[in-house]
Amino acid sequence: MKTRGILNALIGVWFIIAPWVIGFSDQSGALWSSIIFGIIQVIVSLWGADKPGWNSWQNWISVITGVWFVAFPFIYSLTDGAVLSSVILGLITIVFSLWNLGSKLNSKAEG
């Protein structure tokens, strides 16, 4: 669980820096959306890393940010590289967050 939370936080960091790395920092809406949702992703992923189960609101917020990461490049008409990066990392965020939601607290076999 903790490993998935950290990986989701790193994905959030990617979205904070992606506007400059991929090259959409000139699009104000996409820039701020990526930064704000990236920051939210970092915070809730680290905060919810040790909070498994369906009652973990932090992991639910992470699911929502993942859905946003999948949708936002289409909303802002970003380039192919930004679309591919955002969709793949958004789907990974959703999977990891749902996995955390379905995890049990006592599971020591997970990371």
Protein backbone atom coordinates (compact mmCIF):
# COMPACT_ATOMS: atom_id res chain seq x y z
CA MET A 1 0.00 0.00 0.00
CA LYS A 2 2.71 2.43 0.95
CA THR A 3 4.60 1.74 -2.29
CA ARG A 4 1.49 2.44 -4.39
CA GLY A 5 0.90 5.65 -2.45
CA ILE A 6 4.47 6.79 -3.06
CA LEU A 7 4.21 5.91 -6.76
CA ASN A 8 0.98 7.89 -7.01
CA ALA A 9 2.72 10.82 -5.29
CA LEU A 10 5.53 10.63 -7.85
CA ILE A 11 2.93 10.70 -10.61
CA GLY A 12 1.59 13.86 -8.96
CA VAL A 13 5.09 15.36 -9.03
CA TRP A 14 5.26 14.53 -12.74
CA PHE A 15 2.03 16.48 -13.34
CA ILE A 16 3.47 19.46 -11.46
CA ILE A 17 6.50 19.63 -13.78
CA ALA A 18 4.90 18.23 -16.96
CA PRO A 19 3.79 21.59 -18.42
CA TRP A 20 7.44 22.59 -18.84
CA VAL A 21 8.80 19.15 -19.70
CA ILE A 22 6.18 18.31 -22.33
CA GLY A 23 5.68 21.90 -23.44
CA PHE A 24 2.18 23.09 -22.64
CA SER A 25 3.16 25.79 -20.13
CA ASP A 26 1.89 28.41 -22.59
CA GLN A 27 -1.69 27.16 -22.10
CA SER A 28 -2.77 28.76 -18.84
CA GLY A 29 -5.74 26.48 -18.12
CA ALA A 30 -3.80 23.28 -18.77
CA LEU A 31 -0.79 24.58 -16.85
CA TRP A 32 -2.71 25.41 -13.69
CA SER A 33 -4.90 22.33 -13.91
CA SER A 34 -1.83 20.11 -14.12
CA ILE A 35 -0.12 21.90 -11.22
CA ILE A 36 -3.14 22.03 -8.91
CA PHE A 37 -4.25 18.45 -9.49
CA GLY A 38 -0.61 17.32 -9.26
CA ILE A 39 -0.28 18.97 -5.84
CA ILE A 40 -3.57 17.42 -4.70
CA GLN A 41 -2.33 14.04 -5.95
CA VAL A 42 0.94 14.33 -4.01
CA ILE A 43 -0.81 15.33 -0.77
CA VAL A 44 -3.60 12.73 -0.78
CA SER A 45 -1.32 9.93 -1.99
CA LEU A 46 1.18 10.42 0.80
CA TRP A 47 -1.54 11.07 3.38
CA GLY A 48 -3.55 8.01 2.35
CA ALA A 49 -0.61 5.62 1.81
CA ASP A 50 -1.27 3.86 5.13
CA LYS A 51 -5.06 4.14 5.02
CA PRO A 52 -6.44 1.18 3.06
CA GLY A 53 -10.08 0.25 2.73
CA TRP A 54 -13.18 1.68 1.16
CA ASN A 55 -13.53 4.38 3.83
CA SER A 56 -10.24 6.05 2.90
CA TRP A 57 -11.33 9.41 1.50
CA GLN A 58 -7.72 10.16 0.52
CA ASN A 59 -7.69 7.24 -1.90
CA TRP A 60 -11.08 8.28 -3.31
CA ILE A 61 -9.67 11.76 -4.00
CA SER A 62 -6.72 10.06 -5.70
CA VAL A 63 -9.15 8.12 -7.91
CA ILE A 64 -10.80 11.41 -8.87
CA THR A 65 -7.47 13.04 -9.70
CA GLY A 66 -6.61 10.00 -11.83
CA VAL A 67 -9.88 10.41 -13.75
CA TRP A 68 -9.06 14.10 -14.22
CA PHE A 69 -5.57 13.24 -15.52
CA VAL A 70 -7.18 10.98 -18.12
CA ALA A 71 -9.70 13.64 -19.22
CA PHE A 72 -7.82 16.92 -19.02
CA PRO A 73 -5.57 16.63 -22.12
CA PHE A 74 -8.71 16.24 -24.23
CA ILE A 75 -10.42 19.17 -22.54
CA TYR A 76 -7.42 21.42 -23.22
CA SER A 77 -6.58 19.93 -26.65
CA LEU A 78 -3.01 19.04 -25.76
CA THR A 79 -0.49 17.41 -28.10
CA ASP A 80 -0.11 13.67 -28.60
CA GLY A 81 2.80 13.34 -26.14
CA ALA A 82 0.86 15.10 -23.39
CA VAL A 83 -2.24 13.04 -24.12
CA LEU A 84 -0.38 9.74 -24.01
CA SER A 85 1.52 10.62 -20.84
CA SER A 86 -1.55 11.93 -19.05
CA VAL A 87 -3.85 9.06 -20.00
CA ILE A 88 -1.35 6.33 -19.08
CA LEU A 89 -0.36 7.94 -15.76
CA GLY A 90 -3.99 8.76 -14.98
CA LEU A 91 -4.98 5.13 -15.50
CA ILE A 92 -2.08 3.96 -13.32
CA THR A 93 -3.23 6.40 -10.62
CA ILE A 94 -6.78 5.04 -10.80
CA VAL A 95 -5.61 1.41 -10.62
CA PHE A 96 -3.24 2.02 -7.68
CA SER A 97 -5.88 4.03 -5.81
CA LEU A 98 -8.59 1.42 -6.32
CA TRP A 99 -6.09 -1.24 -5.29
CA ASN A 100 -5.45 0.68 -2.07
CA LEU A 101 -9.17 1.04 -1.50
CA GLY A 102 -9.61 -2.73 -1.79
CA SER A 103 -6.65 -3.55 0.46
CA LYS A 104 -6.90 -4.70 4.04
CA LEU A 105 -4.93 -3.04 6.85
CA ASN A 106 -3.27 -6.27 8.02
CA SER A 107 -1.85 -7.29 4.65
CA LYS A 108 1.94 -7.50 5.13
CA ALA A 109 2.65 -9.03 1.72
CA GLU A 110 1.96 -5.71 0.00
CA GLY A 111 4.32 -2.80 -0.36
